Structure formats: structure tokens, C-alpha cells
């Protein structure tokens, strides 16, 4: 195990003169960082029939073939489902994410590489 190092700061000149001795104040070098707020996940959709499902593709090779199959299987199992497709970068960003959230009941995000 490594050695521990304490960071010390000398007292102010006024404090040293009053005591007639030199003293050091030991400081804790570790920072205290507030954790980010906890987000509660949105409840899962319990039934897909009649829902609008968004498919988000990042445009890399293979994602369109994969999502063609996902869409086909969804429509076979849930004929009343509507599938909406979105494409973009790995992270859709706030603007597109808000649009998807407004237009869809649920979505599937796929990343190909």
C-alpha cells in the first residue's frame, strides 16, 4: 500500500505571532462532489397492440437490415402497430429525442458497428 500524503497549510502570520510557535493546519486533499440527481425510468409499455413504436438507427452497416427484420416481426405479432423510423448519430440529442418521445409510445434504439 502506498504512503499517505497530507497537504498542510501554514497558519497566518498573525496566528503564528500570537502563539510564538509555528503550527500547521492539516487539510483533507479529497474533494466532496455532489452526486447527480437520480432519474426514475419511465414505466415499460405493457401492450404493443395499437402502439406507435419508434426505431432509431445510427446509420451504420447492418442496422437497416436488422431493423427491417424487427419491423417485420413486430407487424406479424402485432398487426395494429405503427412503426416510425428515425436515423441519426449515436446520440440522438435533445431535439430529436423530444420529437421521438412526442410521436411514439415506445422506441427501440439500435447501434451497428
C-alpha atoms as a PDB file:
ATOM      1  CA  UNK A   1       0.000   0.000   0.000  1.00  0.00           C
ATOM      2  CA  UNK A   2       1.333   3.473  -0.874  1.00  0.00           C
ATOM      3  CA  UNK A   3       2.263   6.174   1.570  1.00  0.00           C
ATOM      4  CA  UNK A   4      -0.352   8.703   2.569  1.00  0.00           C
ATOM      5  CA  UNK A   5       0.494  12.307   1.995  1.00  0.00           C
ATOM      6  CA  UNK A   6      -1.099  15.101   3.985  1.00  0.00           C
ATOM      7  CA  UNK A   7      -1.367  18.547   2.482  1.00  0.00           C
ATOM      8  CA  UNK A   8      -0.677  21.217   5.057  1.00  0.00           C
ATOM      9  CA  UNK A   9      -1.045  24.953   5.039  1.00  0.00           C
ATOM     10  CA  UNK A  10       0.929  27.234   7.351  1.00  0.00           C
ATOM     11  CA  UNK A  11      -1.044  29.381   9.791  1.00  0.00           C
ATOM     12  CA  UNK A  12      -1.475  33.031   9.103  1.00  0.00           C
ATOM     13  CA  UNK A  13       1.340  35.307  10.264  1.00  0.00           C
ATOM     14  CA  UNK A  14      -0.997  36.756  12.904  1.00  0.00           C
ATOM     15  CA  UNK A  15      -1.714  33.298  14.389  1.00  0.00           C
ATOM     16  CA  UNK A  16       1.999  32.385  14.442  1.00  0.00           C
ATOM     17  CA  UNK A  17       2.955  35.630  16.187  1.00  0.00           C
ATOM     18  CA  UNK A  18       0.233  35.231  18.815  1.00  0.00           C
ATOM     19  CA  UNK A  19       1.345  31.717  19.742  1.00  0.00           C
ATOM     20  CA  UNK A  20       5.056  32.270  19.474  1.00  0.00           C
ATOM     21  CA  UNK A  21       5.300  28.934  17.700  1.00  0.00           C
ATOM     22  CA  UNK A  22       4.792  27.626  14.239  1.00  0.00           C
ATOM     23  CA  UNK A  23       1.776  25.376  13.743  1.00  0.00           C
ATOM     24  CA  UNK A  24       0.381  23.765  10.681  1.00  0.00           C
ATOM     25  CA  UNK A  25      -3.218  23.123   9.781  1.00  0.00           C
ATOM     26  CA  UNK A  26      -3.774  19.733   8.098  1.00  0.00           C
ATOM     27  CA  UNK A  27      -6.208  19.850   5.188  1.00  0.00           C
ATOM     28  CA  UNK A  28      -8.059  16.990   3.551  1.00  0.00           C
ATOM     29  CA  UNK A  29      -6.989  16.800  -0.130  1.00  0.00           C
ATOM     30  CA  UNK A  30     -10.101  14.855  -1.188  1.00  0.00           C
ATOM     31  CA  UNK A  31     -12.864  16.827  -2.790  1.00  0.00           C
ATOM     32  CA  UNK A  32     -16.521  16.382  -1.982  1.00  0.00           C
ATOM     33  CA  UNK A  33     -18.657  16.136  -5.092  1.00  0.00           C
ATOM     34  CA  UNK A  34     -22.441  16.131  -5.025  1.00  0.00           C
ATOM     35  CA  UNK A  35     -23.817  13.105  -6.903  1.00  0.00           C
ATOM     36  CA  UNK A  36     -26.023  13.850  -9.910  1.00  0.00           C
ATOM     37  CA  UNK A  37     -29.785  13.579  -9.382  1.00  0.00           C
ATOM     38  CA  UNK A  38     -31.242  10.093  -9.713  1.00  0.00           C
ATOM     39  CA  UNK A  39     -33.596   9.622 -12.641  1.00  0.00           C
ATOM     40  CA  UNK A  40     -36.537   7.264 -12.367  1.00  0.00           C
ATOM     41  CA  UNK A  41     -37.018   5.162 -15.515  1.00  0.00           C
ATOM     42  CA  UNK A  42     -40.245   5.529 -17.438  1.00  0.00           C
ATOM     43  CA  UNK A  43     -42.569   2.557 -16.878  1.00  0.00           C
ATOM     44  CA  UNK A  44     -42.481  -0.096 -19.598  1.00  0.00           C
ATOM     45  CA  UNK A  45     -45.273  -0.299 -22.141  1.00  0.00           C
ATOM     46  CA  UNK A  46     -47.348  -3.324 -21.137  1.00  0.00           C
ATOM     47  CA  UNK A  47     -49.036  -3.933 -24.500  1.00  0.00           C
ATOM     48  CA  UNK A  48     -47.749  -3.180 -28.019  1.00  0.00           C
ATOM     49  CA  UNK A  49     -51.007  -3.651 -29.949  1.00  0.00           C
ATOM     50  CA  UNK A  50     -52.122  -0.349 -31.445  1.00  0.00           C
ATOM     51  CA  UNK A  51     -48.973   1.472 -30.282  1.00  0.00           C
ATOM     52  CA  UNK A  52     -46.552   3.632 -32.222  1.00  0.00           C
ATOM     53  CA  UNK A  53     -43.047   2.175 -31.980  1.00  0.00           C
ATOM     54  CA  UNK A  54     -40.044   4.218 -32.983  1.00  0.00           C
ATOM     55  CA  UNK A  55     -36.955   2.545 -34.397  1.00  0.00           C
ATOM     56  CA  UNK A  56     -33.796   4.633 -34.044  1.00  0.00           C
ATOM     57  CA  UNK A  57     -30.939   3.638 -36.340  1.00  0.00           C
ATOM     58  CA  UNK A  58     -27.492   5.170 -36.141  1.00  0.00           C
ATOM     59  CA  UNK A  59     -26.957   4.521 -39.864  1.00  0.00           C
ATOM     60  CA  UNK A  60     -24.055   2.109 -39.548  1.00  0.00           C
ATOM     61  CA  UNK A  61     -23.805  -1.008 -41.674  1.00  0.00           C
ATOM     62  CA  UNK A  62     -26.310  -3.687 -40.821  1.00  0.00           C
ATOM     63  CA  UNK A  63     -28.742  -1.578 -38.801  1.00  0.00           C
ATOM     64  CA  UNK A  64     -31.264  -1.134 -41.609  1.00  0.00           C
ATOM     65  CA  UNK A  65     -31.315  -4.883 -42.418  1.00  0.00           C
ATOM     66  CA  UNK A  66     -31.643  -5.669 -38.702  1.00  0.00           C
ATOM     67  CA  UNK A  67     -34.479  -3.178 -38.202  1.00  0.00           C
ATOM     68  CA  UNK A  68     -36.248  -4.350 -41.374  1.00  0.00           C
ATOM     69  CA  UNK A  69     -36.464  -7.725 -39.640  1.00  0.00           C
ATOM     70  CA  UNK A  70     -37.508  -6.196 -36.293  1.00  0.00           C
ATOM     71  CA  UNK A  71     -40.271  -4.223 -38.029  1.00  0.00           C
ATOM     72  CA  UNK A  72     -41.478  -7.308 -39.938  1.00  0.00           C
ATOM     73  CA  UNK A  73     -41.619  -9.398 -36.733  1.00  0.00           C
ATOM     74  CA  UNK A  74     -43.405  -6.639 -34.808  1.00  0.00           C
ATOM     75  CA  UNK A  75     -46.058  -6.279 -37.515  1.00  0.00           C
ATOM     76  CA  UNK A  76     -46.538 -10.057 -37.724  1.00  0.00           C
ATOM     77  CA  UNK A  77     -47.098 -10.360 -33.967  1.00  0.00           C
ATOM     78  CA  UNK A  78     -48.949  -7.030 -33.515  1.00  0.00           C
ATOM     79  CA  UNK A  79     -50.701  -6.157 -36.836  1.00  0.00           C
ATOM     80  CA  UNK A  80     -52.120  -2.892 -35.440  1.00  0.00           C
ATOM     81  CA  UNK A  81     -48.703  -1.488 -34.508  1.00  0.00           C
ATOM     82  CA  UNK A  82     -47.340   1.567 -36.333  1.00  0.00           C
ATOM     83  CA  UNK A  83     -43.574   1.708 -36.845  1.00  0.00           C
ATOM     84  CA  UNK A  84     -41.814   5.051 -37.266  1.00  0.00           C
ATOM     85  CA  UNK A  85     -38.130   5.161 -38.244  1.00  0.00           C
ATOM     86  CA  UNK A  86     -35.562   7.720 -37.181  1.00  0.00           C
ATOM     87  CA  UNK A  87     -31.896   7.949 -38.102  1.00  0.00           C
ATOM     88  CA  UNK A  88     -29.010   9.953 -36.762  1.00  0.00           C
ATOM     89  CA  UNK A  89     -25.820   9.837 -34.767  1.00  0.00           C
ATOM     90  CA  UNK A  90     -25.150   7.511 -31.821  1.00  0.00           C
ATOM     91  CA  UNK A  91     -26.754  10.095 -29.505  1.00  0.00           C
ATOM     92  CA  UNK A  92     -30.000  11.467 -30.961  1.00  0.00           C
ATOM     93  CA  UNK A  93     -29.645  14.707 -28.988  1.00  0.00           C
ATOM     94  CA  UNK A  94     -32.330  16.537 -27.048  1.00  0.00           C
ATOM     95  CA  UNK A  95     -34.297  17.883 -30.021  1.00  0.00           C
ATOM     96  CA  UNK A  96     -34.742  14.545 -31.811  1.00  0.00           C
ATOM     97  CA  UNK A  97     -35.267  12.677 -28.521  1.00  0.00           C
ATOM     98  CA  UNK A  98     -38.115  15.076 -27.664  1.00  0.00           C
ATOM     99  CA  UNK A  99     -39.650  14.539 -31.122  1.00  0.00           C
ATOM    100  CA  UNK A 100     -39.463  10.735 -30.740  1.00  0.00           C
ATOM    101  CA  UNK A 101     -40.975  10.944 -27.242  1.00  0.00           C
ATOM    102  CA  UNK A 102     -43.863  13.053 -28.575  1.00  0.00           C
ATOM    103  CA  UNK A 103     -44.570  10.857 -31.613  1.00  0.00           C
ATOM    104  CA  UNK A 104     -44.067   7.346 -30.172  1.00  0.00           C
ATOM    105  CA  UNK A 105     -45.388   5.234 -27.313  1.00  0.00           C
ATOM    106  CA  UNK A 106     -42.066   3.403 -27.066  1.00  0.00           C
ATOM    107  CA  UNK A 107     -38.903   3.047 -29.110  1.00  0.00           C
ATOM    108  CA  UNK A 108     -36.020   0.732 -29.872  1.00  0.00           C
ATOM    109  CA  UNK A 109     -32.524   2.154 -30.227  1.00  0.00           C
ATOM    110  CA  UNK A 110     -30.026   0.200 -32.308  1.00  0.00           C
ATOM    111  CA  UNK A 111     -26.326   0.697 -32.815  1.00  0.00           C
ATOM    112  CA  UNK A 112     -24.453  -1.130 -35.559  1.00  0.00           C
ATOM    113  CA  UNK A 113     -20.733  -1.473 -35.990  1.00  0.00           C
END
